[in-house]
Full PDB file with SEQRES, HELIX, SHEET, SSBOND, CRYST1, ORIGX, SCALE, CONECT and MASTER records, all heavy atoms in Angstrom:
SEQRES   1 A   37  ALA THR ILE ASN TRP SER GLY GLY ILE SER ASP TYR GLY          
SEQRES   2 A   37  ASP SER VAL LYS GLY ARG PHE ARG ILE SER ARG ASP ASN          
SEQRES   3 A   37  ALA LYS ASN SER VAL TYR LEU GLN MET ASN SER                  
HELIX    1 AA1 ASN A   26  LYS A   28  5                                   3    
SHEET    1 AA1 2 THR A   2  ILE A   3  0                                        
SHEET    2 AA1 2 SER A  10  ASP A  11 -1                                        
SHEET    1 AA2 2 PHE A  20  ASP A  25  0                                        
SHEET    2 AA2 2 SER A  30  MET A  35 -1                                        
CRYST1    1.000    1.000    1.000  90.00  90.00  90.00 P 1           1          
ORIGX1      1.000000  0.000000  0.000000        0.00000                         
ORIGX2      0.000000  1.000000  0.000000        0.00000                         
ORIGX3      0.000000  0.000000  1.000000        0.00000                         
SCALE1      1.000000  0.000000  0.000000        0.00000                         
SCALE2      0.000000  1.000000  0.000000        0.00000                         
SCALE3      0.000000  0.000000  1.000000        0.00000                         
ATOM      1  N   ALA A   1     -72.517  13.947  -4.394  1.00  0.00           N  
ATOM      2  CA  ALA A   1     -73.717  14.422  -3.708  1.00  0.00           C  
ATOM      3  C   ALA A   1     -74.220  15.714  -4.323  1.00  0.00           C  
ATOM      4  O   ALA A   1     -73.423  16.484  -4.884  1.00  0.00           O  
ATOM      5  CB  ALA A   1     -73.428  14.656  -2.215  1.00  0.00           C  
ATOM      6  N   THR A   2     -75.513  15.931  -4.247  1.00  0.00           N  
ATOM      7  CA  THR A   2     -76.099  17.200  -4.648  1.00  0.00           C  
ATOM      8  C   THR A   2     -77.119  17.646  -3.609  1.00  0.00           C  
ATOM      9  O   THR A   2     -77.633  16.835  -2.847  1.00  0.00           O  
ATOM     10  CB  THR A   2     -76.790  17.131  -6.020  1.00  0.00           C  
ATOM     11  OG1 THR A   2     -77.765  16.082  -6.004  1.00  0.00           O  
ATOM     12  CG2 THR A   2     -75.805  16.887  -7.145  1.00  0.00           C  
ATOM     13  N   ILE A   3     -77.421  18.933  -3.627  1.00  0.00           N  
ATOM     14  CA  ILE A   3     -78.382  19.506  -2.698  1.00  0.00           C  
ATOM     15  C   ILE A   3     -79.168  20.587  -3.416  1.00  0.00           C  
ATOM     16  O   ILE A   3     -78.619  21.336  -4.237  1.00  0.00           O  
ATOM     17  CB  ILE A   3     -77.643  20.064  -1.453  1.00  0.00           C  
ATOM     18  CG1 ILE A   3     -78.634  20.476  -0.360  1.00  0.00           C  
ATOM     19  CG2 ILE A   3     -76.717  21.213  -1.823  1.00  0.00           C  
ATOM     20  CD1 ILE A   3     -77.948  20.746   0.986  1.00  0.00           C  
ATOM     21  N   ASN A   4     -80.467  20.659  -3.120  1.00  0.00           N  
ATOM     22  CA  ASN A   4     -81.262  21.679  -3.801  1.00  0.00           C  
ATOM     23  C   ASN A   4     -81.075  23.037  -3.143  1.00  0.00           C  
ATOM     24  O   ASN A   4     -80.358  23.177  -2.150  1.00  0.00           O  
ATOM     25  CB  ASN A   4     -82.740  21.273  -3.842  1.00  0.00           C  
ATOM     26  CG  ASN A   4     -83.454  21.532  -2.523  1.00  0.00           C  
ATOM     27  OD1 ASN A   4     -82.862  21.385  -1.455  1.00  0.00           O  
ATOM     28  ND2 ASN A   4     -84.702  21.926  -2.621  1.00  0.00           N  
ATOM     29  N   TRP A   5     -81.708  24.080  -3.686  1.00  0.00           N  
ATOM     30  CA  TRP A   5     -81.428  25.440  -3.262  1.00  0.00           C  
ATOM     31  C   TRP A   5     -81.759  25.674  -1.793  1.00  0.00           C  
ATOM     32  O   TRP A   5     -81.063  26.434  -1.122  1.00  0.00           O  
ATOM     33  CB  TRP A   5     -82.203  26.433  -4.127  1.00  0.00           C  
ATOM     34  CG  TRP A   5     -83.693  26.411  -3.916  1.00  0.00           C  
ATOM     35  CD1 TRP A   5     -84.609  25.610  -4.527  1.00  0.00           C  
ATOM     36  CD2 TRP A   5     -84.425  27.211  -2.990  1.00  0.00           C  
ATOM     37  NE1 TRP A   5     -85.852  25.860  -4.049  1.00  0.00           N  
ATOM     38  CE2 TRP A   5     -85.778  26.844  -3.100  1.00  0.00           C  
ATOM     39  CE3 TRP A   5     -84.077  28.204  -2.077  1.00  0.00           C  
ATOM     40  CZ2 TRP A   5     -86.770  27.439  -2.347  1.00  0.00           C  
ATOM     41  CZ3 TRP A   5     -85.067  28.804  -1.321  1.00  0.00           C  
ATOM     42  CH2 TRP A   5     -86.407  28.415  -1.458  1.00  0.00           C  
ATOM     43  N   SER A   6     -82.779  25.013  -1.280  1.00  0.00           N  
ATOM     44  CA  SER A   6     -83.192  25.245   0.104  1.00  0.00           C  
ATOM     45  C   SER A   6     -82.465  24.337   1.096  1.00  0.00           C  
ATOM     46  O   SER A   6     -82.535  24.557   2.294  1.00  0.00           O  
ATOM     47  CB  SER A   6     -84.681  25.037   0.252  1.00  0.00           C  
ATOM     48  OG  SER A   6     -85.013  23.668   0.101  1.00  0.00           O  
ATOM     49  N   GLY A   7     -81.823  23.321   0.584  1.00  0.00           N  
ATOM     50  CA  GLY A   7     -81.199  22.337   1.469  1.00  0.00           C  
ATOM     51  C   GLY A   7     -82.153  21.232   1.897  1.00  0.00           C  
ATOM     52  O   GLY A   7     -81.769  20.344   2.652  1.00  0.00           O  
ATOM     53  N   GLY A   8     -83.365  21.284   1.420  1.00  0.00           N  
ATOM     54  CA  GLY A   8     -84.374  20.301   1.829  1.00  0.00           C  
ATOM     55  C   GLY A   8     -84.301  18.993   1.083  1.00  0.00           C  
ATOM     56  O   GLY A   8     -84.910  17.999   1.504  1.00  0.00           O  
ATOM     57  N   ILE A   9     -83.609  18.979  -0.034  1.00  0.00           N  
ATOM     58  CA  ILE A   9     -83.482  17.756  -0.845  1.00  0.00           C  
ATOM     59  C   ILE A   9     -82.015  17.508  -1.131  1.00  0.00           C  
ATOM     60  O   ILE A   9     -81.299  18.413  -1.532  1.00  0.00           O  
ATOM     61  CB  ILE A   9     -84.245  17.878  -2.182  1.00  0.00           C  
ATOM     62  CG1 ILE A   9     -85.721  18.185  -1.957  1.00  0.00           C  
ATOM     63  CG2 ILE A   9     -84.105  16.588  -2.994  1.00  0.00           C  
ATOM     64  CD1 ILE A   9     -86.478  18.507  -3.233  1.00  0.00           C  
ATOM     65  N   SER A  10     -81.589  16.265  -0.928  1.00  0.00           N  
ATOM     66  CA  SER A  10     -80.201  15.912  -1.234  1.00  0.00           C  
ATOM     67  C   SER A  10     -80.166  14.503  -1.821  1.00  0.00           C  
ATOM     68  O   SER A  10     -81.102  13.703  -1.656  1.00  0.00           O  
ATOM     69  CB  SER A  10     -79.316  16.003   0.014  1.00  0.00           C  
ATOM     70  OG  SER A  10     -79.794  15.161   1.038  1.00  0.00           O  
ATOM     71  N   ASP A  11     -79.083  14.233  -2.480  1.00  0.00           N  
ATOM     72  CA  ASP A  11     -78.903  12.940  -3.139  1.00  0.00           C  
ATOM     73  C   ASP A  11     -77.445  12.548  -2.995  1.00  0.00           C  
ATOM     74  O   ASP A  11     -76.565  13.418  -3.073  1.00  0.00           O  
ATOM     75  CB  ASP A  11     -79.295  13.045  -4.614  1.00  0.00           C  
ATOM     76  CG  ASP A  11     -79.237  11.718  -5.332  1.00  0.00           C  
ATOM     77  OD1 ASP A  11     -79.577  10.701  -4.739  1.00  0.00           O  
ATOM     78  OD2 ASP A  11     -78.830  11.727  -6.522  1.00  0.00           O  
ATOM     79  N   TYR A  12     -77.185  11.257  -2.785  1.00  0.00           N  
ATOM     80  CA  TYR A  12     -75.829  10.786  -2.570  1.00  0.00           C  
ATOM     81  C   TYR A  12     -75.501   9.597  -3.449  1.00  0.00           C  
ATOM     82  O   TYR A  12     -76.383   8.747  -3.731  1.00  0.00           O  
ATOM     83  CB  TYR A  12     -75.619  10.376  -1.116  1.00  0.00           C  
ATOM     84  CG  TYR A  12     -75.744  11.525  -0.138  1.00  0.00           C  
ATOM     85  CD1 TYR A  12     -76.970  11.874   0.420  1.00  0.00           C  
ATOM     86  CD2 TYR A  12     -74.620  12.254   0.236  1.00  0.00           C  
ATOM     87  CE1 TYR A  12     -77.076  12.926   1.320  1.00  0.00           C  
ATOM     88  CE2 TYR A  12     -74.714  13.310   1.126  1.00  0.00           C  
ATOM     89  CZ  TYR A  12     -75.950  13.653   1.668  1.00  0.00           C  
ATOM     90  OH  TYR A  12     -76.044  14.689   2.548  1.00  0.00           O  
ATOM     91  N   GLY A  13     -74.244   9.515  -3.827  1.00  0.00           N  
ATOM     92  CA  GLY A  13     -73.787   8.336  -4.512  1.00  0.00           C  
ATOM     93  C   GLY A  13     -73.772   7.144  -3.585  1.00  0.00           C  
ATOM     94  O   GLY A  13     -73.556   7.316  -2.362  1.00  0.00           O  
ATOM     95  N   ASP A  14     -73.953   5.963  -4.116  1.00  0.00           N  
ATOM     96  CA  ASP A  14     -74.031   4.776  -3.280  1.00  0.00           C  
ATOM     97  C   ASP A  14     -72.764   4.554  -2.462  1.00  0.00           C  
ATOM     98  O   ASP A  14     -72.813   4.057  -1.323  1.00  0.00           O  
ATOM     99  CB  ASP A  14     -74.296   3.541  -4.149  1.00  0.00           C  
ATOM    100  CG  ASP A  14     -75.705   3.542  -4.749  1.00  0.00           C  
ATOM    101  OD1 ASP A  14     -76.576   4.275  -4.231  1.00  0.00           O  
ATOM    102  OD2 ASP A  14     -75.898   2.817  -5.747  1.00  0.00           O  
ATOM    103  N   SER A  15     -71.632   4.907  -3.022  1.00  0.00           N  
ATOM    104  CA  SER A  15     -70.356   4.633  -2.337  1.00  0.00           C  
ATOM    105  C   SER A  15     -70.134   5.547  -1.127  1.00  0.00           C  
ATOM    106  O   SER A  15     -69.259   5.244  -0.311  1.00  0.00           O  
ATOM    107  CB  SER A  15     -69.203   4.756  -3.320  1.00  0.00           C  
ATOM    108  OG  SER A  15     -69.147   6.072  -3.846  1.00  0.00           O  
ATOM    109  N   VAL A  16     -70.862   6.633  -1.015  1.00  0.00           N  
ATOM    110  CA  VAL A  16     -70.633   7.571   0.091  1.00  0.00           C  
ATOM    111  C   VAL A  16     -71.855   7.717   1.009  1.00  0.00           C  
ATOM    112  O   VAL A  16     -71.772   8.348   2.052  1.00  0.00           O  
ATOM    113  CB  VAL A  16     -70.238   8.978  -0.429  1.00  0.00           C  
ATOM    114  CG1 VAL A  16     -69.059   8.883  -1.378  1.00  0.00           C  
ATOM    115  CG2 VAL A  16     -71.418   9.675  -1.088  1.00  0.00           C  
ATOM    116  N   LYS A  17     -72.959   7.112   0.619  1.00  0.00           N  
ATOM    117  CA  LYS A  17     -74.190   7.234   1.393  1.00  0.00           C  
ATOM    118  C   LYS A  17     -73.981   6.735   2.812  1.00  0.00           C  
ATOM    119  O   LYS A  17     -73.402   5.668   3.047  1.00  0.00           O  
ATOM    120  CB  LYS A  17     -75.295   6.451   0.706  1.00  0.00           C  
ATOM    121  CG  LYS A  17     -76.702   6.834   1.117  1.00  0.00           C  
ATOM    122  CD  LYS A  17     -77.719   6.141   0.240  1.00  0.00           C  
ATOM    123  CE  LYS A  17     -77.629   6.580  -1.194  1.00  0.00           C  
ATOM    124  NZ  LYS A  17     -78.677   5.959  -2.046  1.00  0.00           N  
ATOM    125  N   GLY A  18     -74.405   7.538   3.768  1.00  0.00           N  
ATOM    126  CA  GLY A  18     -74.258   7.170   5.179  1.00  0.00           C  
ATOM    127  C   GLY A  18     -72.957   7.640   5.795  1.00  0.00           C  
ATOM    128  O   GLY A  18     -72.810   7.617   7.026  1.00  0.00           O  
ATOM    129  N   ARG A  19     -72.004   8.051   4.962  1.00  0.00           N  
ATOM    130  CA  ARG A  19     -70.697   8.514   5.477  1.00  0.00           C  
ATOM    131  C   ARG A  19     -70.481  10.000   5.202  1.00  0.00           C  
ATOM    132  O   ARG A  19     -69.826  10.684   5.994  1.00  0.00           O  
ATOM    133  CB  ARG A  19     -69.563   7.713   4.832  1.00  0.00           C  
ATOM    134  CG  ARG A  19     -69.621   6.240   5.097  1.00  0.00           C  
ATOM    135  CD  ARG A  19     -68.364   5.529   4.583  1.00  0.00           C  
ATOM    136  NE  ARG A  19     -68.227   5.653   3.127  1.00  0.00           N  
ATOM    137  CZ  ARG A  19     -67.168   6.191   2.527  1.00  0.00           C  
ATOM    138  NH1 ARG A  19     -66.157   6.679   3.245  1.00  0.00           N  
ATOM    139  NH2 ARG A  19     -67.114   6.245   1.211  1.00  0.00           N  
ATOM    140  N   PHE A  20     -71.003  10.484   4.094  1.00  0.00           N  
ATOM    141  CA  PHE A  20     -70.818  11.885   3.712  1.00  0.00           C  
ATOM    142  C   PHE A  20     -72.133  12.638   3.888  1.00  0.00           C  
ATOM    143  O   PHE A  20     -73.226  12.054   3.785  1.00  0.00           O  
ATOM    144  CB  PHE A  20     -70.406  11.990   2.247  1.00  0.00           C  
ATOM    145  CG  PHE A  20     -69.014  11.508   1.935  1.00  0.00           C  
ATOM    146  CD1 PHE A  20     -68.268  10.779   2.848  1.00  0.00           C  
ATOM    147  CD2 PHE A  20     -68.459  11.755   0.684  1.00  0.00           C  
ATOM    148  CE1 PHE A  20     -67.001  10.326   2.544  1.00  0.00           C  
ATOM    149  CE2 PHE A  20     -67.198  11.307   0.358  1.00  0.00           C  
ATOM    150  CZ  PHE A  20     -66.462  10.587   1.291  1.00  0.00           C  
ATOM    151  N   ARG A  21     -71.994  13.953   4.158  1.00  0.00           N  
ATOM    152  CA  ARG A  21     -73.192  14.785   4.277  1.00  0.00           C  
ATOM    153  C   ARG A  21     -72.942  16.122   3.601  1.00  0.00           C  
ATOM    154  O   ARG A  21     -71.955  16.802   3.890  1.00  0.00           O  
ATOM    155  CB  ARG A  21     -73.572  15.025   5.727  1.00  0.00           C  
ATOM    156  CG  ARG A  21     -74.930  15.715   5.894  1.00  0.00           C  
ATOM    157  CD  ARG A  21     -75.337  15.784   7.357  1.00  0.00           C  
ATOM    158  NE  ARG A  21     -74.547  16.779   8.068  1.00  0.00           N  
ATOM    159  CZ  ARG A  21     -74.862  18.072   8.173  1.00  0.00           C  
ATOM    160  NH1 ARG A  21     -75.945  18.517   7.573  1.00  0.00           N  
ATOM    161  NH2 ARG A  21     -74.098  18.880   8.863  1.00  0.00           N  
ATOM    162  N   ILE A  22     -73.853  16.498   2.714  1.00  0.00           N  
ATOM    163  CA  ILE A  22     -73.750  17.763   1.998  1.00  0.00           C  
ATOM    164  C   ILE A  22     -74.631  18.787   2.698  1.00  0.00           C  
ATOM    165  O   ILE A  22     -75.712  18.467   3.183  1.00  0.00           O  
ATOM    166  CB  ILE A  22     -74.125  17.597   0.508  1.00  0.00           C  
ATOM    167  CG1 ILE A  22     -73.813  18.878  -0.276  1.00  0.00           C  
ATOM    168  CG2 ILE A  22     -75.587  17.193   0.343  1.00  0.00           C  
ATOM    169  CD1 ILE A  22     -73.948  18.687  -1.788  1.00  0.00           C  
ATOM    170  N   SER A  23     -74.159  20.018   2.740  1.00  0.00           N  
ATOM    171  CA  SER A  23     -74.937  21.100   3.319  1.00  0.00           C  
ATOM    172  C   SER A  23     -74.572  22.397   2.598  1.00  0.00           C  
ATOM    173  O   SER A  23     -73.624  22.419   1.799  1.00  0.00           O  
ATOM    174  CB  SER A  23     -74.651  21.231   4.826  1.00  0.00           C  
ATOM    175  OG  SER A  23     -73.313  21.537   5.069  1.00  0.00           O  
ATOM    176  N   ARG A  24     -75.325  23.448   2.880  1.00  0.00           N  
ATOM    177  CA  ARG A  24     -75.060  24.721   2.194  1.00  0.00           C  
ATOM    178  C   ARG A  24     -75.404  25.889   3.113  1.00  0.00           C  
ATOM    179  O   ARG A  24     -76.198  25.756   4.064  1.00  0.00           O  
ATOM    180  CB  ARG A  24     -75.838  24.808   0.897  1.00  0.00           C  
ATOM    181  CG  ARG A  24     -77.342  24.816   1.049  1.00  0.00           C  
ATOM    182  CD  ARG A  24     -78.007  24.725  -0.333  1.00  0.00           C  
ATOM    183  NE  ARG A  24     -77.721  25.918  -1.133  1.00  0.00           N  
ATOM    184  CZ  ARG A  24     -77.843  25.957  -2.471  1.00  0.00           C  
ATOM    185  NH1 ARG A  24     -78.203  24.853  -3.133  1.00  0.00           N  
ATOM    186  NH2 ARG A  24     -77.589  27.069  -3.118  1.00  0.00           N  
ATOM    187  N   ASP A  25     -74.830  27.024   2.804  1.00  0.00           N  
ATOM    188  CA  ASP A  25     -75.122  28.260   3.498  1.00  0.00           C  
ATOM    189  C   ASP A  25     -75.345  29.317   2.417  1.00  0.00           C  
ATOM    190  O   ASP A  25     -74.380  29.819   1.828  1.00  0.00           O  
ATOM    191  CB  ASP A  25     -73.958  28.649   4.413  1.00  0.00           C  
ATOM    192  CG  ASP A  25     -74.267  29.877   5.260  1.00  0.00           C  
ATOM    193  OD1 ASP A  25     -75.138  30.672   4.878  1.00  0.00           O  
ATOM    194  OD2 ASP A  25     -73.610  30.021   6.313  1.00  0.00           O  
ATOM    195  N   ASN A  26     -76.595  29.612   2.139  1.00  0.00           N  
ATOM    196  CA  ASN A  26     -76.904  30.542   1.044  1.00  0.00           C  
ATOM    197  C   ASN A  26     -76.411  31.962   1.340  1.00  0.00           C  
ATOM    198  O   ASN A  26     -76.075  32.710   0.411  1.00  0.00           O  
ATOM    199  CB  ASN A  26     -78.412  30.542   0.778  1.00  0.00           C  
ATOM    200  CG  ASN A  26     -78.869  29.263   0.121  1.00  0.00           C  
ATOM    201  OD1 ASN A  26     -78.077  28.538  -0.506  1.00  0.00           O  
ATOM    202  ND2 ASN A  26     -80.145  28.934   0.253  1.00  0.00           N  
ATOM    203  N   ALA A  27     -76.353  32.331   2.596  1.00  0.00           N  
ATOM    204  CA  ALA A  27     -75.864  33.654   2.939  1.00  0.00           C  
ATOM    205  C   ALA A  27     -74.388  33.808   2.571  1.00  0.00           C  
ATOM    206  O   ALA A  27     -73.910  34.930   2.317  1.00  0.00           O  
ATOM    207  CB  ALA A  27     -76.059  33.918   4.422  1.00  0.00           C  
ATOM    208  N   LYS A  28     -73.685  32.686   2.545  1.00  0.00           N  
ATOM    209  CA  LYS A  28     -72.252  32.710   2.223  1.00  0.00           C  
ATOM    210  C   LYS A  28     -71.989  32.197   0.791  1.00  0.00           C  
ATOM    211  O   LYS A  28     -70.831  32.041   0.415  1.00  0.00           O  
ATOM    212  CB  LYS A  28     -71.471  31.855   3.221  1.00  0.00           C  
ATOM    213  CG  LYS A  28     -71.522  32.413   4.644  1.00  0.00           C  
ATOM    214  CD  LYS A  28     -70.692  31.567   5.600  1.00  0.00           C  
ATOM    215  CE  LYS A  28     -70.740  32.153   7.011  1.00  0.00           C  
ATOM    216  NZ  LYS A  28     -69.929  31.323   7.969  1.00  0.00           N  
ATOM    217  N   ASN A  29     -73.080  31.888   0.074  1.00  0.00           N  
ATOM    218  CA  ASN A  29     -72.911  31.398  -1.309  1.00  0.00           C  
ATOM    219  C   ASN A  29     -71.988  30.174  -1.339  1.00  0.00           C  
ATOM    220  O   ASN A  29     -71.131  30.040  -2.208  1.00  0.00           O  
ATOM    221  CB  ASN A  29     -72.350  32.490  -2.212  1.00  0.00           C  
ATOM    222  CG  ASN A  29     -73.054  32.567  -3.564  1.00  0.00           C  
ATOM    223  OD1 ASN A  29     -74.175  32.098  -3.722  1.00  0.00           O  
ATOM    224  ND2 ASN A  29     -72.377  33.166  -4.530  1.00  0.00           N  
ATOM    225  N   SER A  30     -72.194  29.294  -0.369  1.00  0.00           N  
ATOM    226  CA  SER A  30     -71.263  28.185  -0.149  1.00  0.00           C  
ATOM    227  C   SER A  30     -71.951  26.846  -0.015  1.00  0.00           C  
ATOM    228  O   SER A  30     -73.131  26.766   0.381  1.00  0.00           O  
ATOM    229  CB  SER A  30     -70.437  28.425   1.130  1.00  0.00           C  
ATOM    230  OG  SER A  30     -69.637  29.583   0.997  1.00  0.00           O  
ATOM    231  N   VAL A  31     -71.200  25.805  -0.338  1.00  0.00           N  
ATOM    232  CA  VAL A  31     -71.649  24.429  -0.147  1.00  0.00           C  
ATOM    233  C   VAL A  31     -70.523  23.668   0.533  1.00  0.00           C  
ATOM    234  O   VAL A  31     -69.331  23.983   0.336  1.00  0.00           O  
ATOM    235  CB  VAL A  31     -72.053  23.765  -1.489  1.00  0.00           C  
ATOM    236  CG1 VAL A  31     -70.872  23.676  -2.432  1.00  0.00           C  
ATOM    237  CG2 VAL A  31     -72.720  22.421  -1.255  1.00  0.00           C  
ATOM    238  N   TYR A  32     -70.896  22.684   1.354  1.00  0.00           N  
ATOM    239  CA  TYR A  32     -69.924  21.944   2.150  1.00  0.00           C  
ATOM    240  C   TYR A  32     -70.134  20.447   1.968  1.00  0.00           C  
ATOM    241  O   TYR A  32     -71.224  19.981   1.622  1.00  0.00           O  
ATOM    242  CB  TYR A  32     -70.070  22.295   3.625  1.00  0.00           C  
ATOM    243  CG  TYR A  32     -70.072  23.778   3.885  1.00  0.00           C  
ATOM    244  CD1 TYR A  32     -71.263  24.476   4.028  1.00  0.00           C  
ATOM    245  CD2 TYR A  32     -68.865  24.497   3.960  1.00  0.00           C  
ATOM    246  CE1 TYR A  32     -71.280  25.845   4.241  1.00  0.00           C  
ATOM    247  CE2 TYR A  32     -68.872  25.860   4.173  1.00  0.00           C  
ATOM    248  CZ  TYR A  32     -70.082  26.532   4.315  1.00  0.00           C  
ATOM    249  OH  TYR A  32     -70.090  27.889   4.529  1.00  0.00           O  
ATOM    250  N   LEU A  33     -69.067  19.696   2.249  1.00  0.00           N  
ATOM    251  CA  LEU A  33     -69.156  18.239   2.228  1.00  0.00           C  
ATOM    252  C   LEU A  33     -68.433  17.709   3.457  1.00  0.00           C  
ATOM    253  O   LEU A  33     -67.196  17.800   3.528  1.00  0.00           O  
ATOM    254  CB  LEU A  33     -68.550  17.660   0.946  1.00  0.00           C  
ATOM    255  CG  LEU A  33     -68.728  16.159   0.777  1.00  0.00           C  
ATOM    256  CD1 LEU A  33     -70.208  15.822   0.541  1.00  0.00           C  
ATOM    257  CD2 LEU A  33     -67.876  15.633  -0.380  1.00  0.00           C  
ATOM    258  N   GLN A  34     -69.195  17.203   4.396  1.00  0.00           N  
ATOM    259  CA  GLN A  34     -68.606  16.569   5.576  1.00  0.00           C  
ATOM    260  C   GLN A  34     -68.371  15.102   5.247  1.00  0.00           C  
ATOM    261  O   GLN A  34     -69.320  14.382   4.912  1.00  0.00           O  
ATOM    262  CB  GLN A  34     -69.549  16.698   6.764  1.00  0.00           C  
ATOM    263  CG  GLN A  34     -69.048  16.003   8.031  1.00  0.00           C  
ATOM    264  CD  GLN A  34     -67.799  16.648   8.594  1.00  0.00           C  
ATOM    265  OE1 GLN A  34     -67.695  17.868   8.661  1.00  0.00           O  
ATOM    266  NE2 GLN A  34     -66.835  15.843   8.985  1.00  0.00           N  
ATOM    267  N   MET A  35     -67.131  14.673   5.345  1.00  0.00           N  
ATOM    268  CA  MET A  35     -66.760  13.308   4.988  1.00  0.00           C  
ATOM    269  C   MET A  35     -66.262  12.591   6.216  1.00  0.00           C  
ATOM    270  O   MET A  35     -65.262  12.978   6.816  1.00  0.00           O  
ATOM    271  CB  MET A  35     -65.682  13.343   3.897  1.00  0.00           C  
ATOM    272  CG  MET A  35     -66.049  14.152   2.675  1.00  0.00           C  
ATOM    273  SD  MET A  35     -64.833  14.039   1.351  1.00  0.00           S  
ATOM    274  CE  MET A  35     -63.433  14.815   2.131  1.00  0.00           C  
ATOM    275  N   ASN A  36     -66.974  11.554   6.595  1.00  0.00           N  
ATOM    276  CA  ASN A  36     -66.606  10.754   7.775  1.00  0.00           C  
ATOM    277  C   ASN A  36     -66.268   9.333   7.363  1.00  0.00           C  
ATOM    278  O   ASN A  36     -66.601   8.894   6.251  1.00  0.00           O  
ATOM    279  CB  ASN A  36     -67.770  10.749   8.766  1.00  0.00           C  
ATOM    280  CG  ASN A  36     -68.142  12.129   9.267  1.00  0.00           C  
ATOM    281  OD1 ASN A  36     -67.274  12.985   9.447  1.00  0.00           O  
ATOM    282  ND2 ASN A  36     -69.435  12.353   9.485  1.00  0.00           N  
ATOM    283  N   SER A  37     -65.626   8.617   8.254  1.00  0.00           N  
ATOM    284  CA  SER A  37     -65.262   7.216   8.017  1.00  0.00           C  
ATOM    285  C   SER A  37     -64.605   7.060   6.650  1.00  0.00           C  
ATOM    286  O   SER A  37     -64.948   6.181   5.854  1.00  0.00           O  
ATOM    287  CB  SER A  37     -66.509   6.327   8.091  1.00  0.00           C  
ATOM    288  OG  SER A  37     -67.141   6.456   9.342  1.00  0.00           O  
TER     289      SER A  37                                                      
MASTER        0    0    0    1    4    0    0    6  288    1    0    3          
END                                                                             
C-alpha cells in the first residue's frame, strides 16, 4: 500500500485490498498499516 502526503490518496495491492488500511500522522512523521482478516 501507499499513501500520498495528505492522506487523501491511497493505493493497495490486490491481495490486501479491503482487508488492510494505510494511514499517516504527519505530526508524528509516521505511517501505519492496519491489517485485518
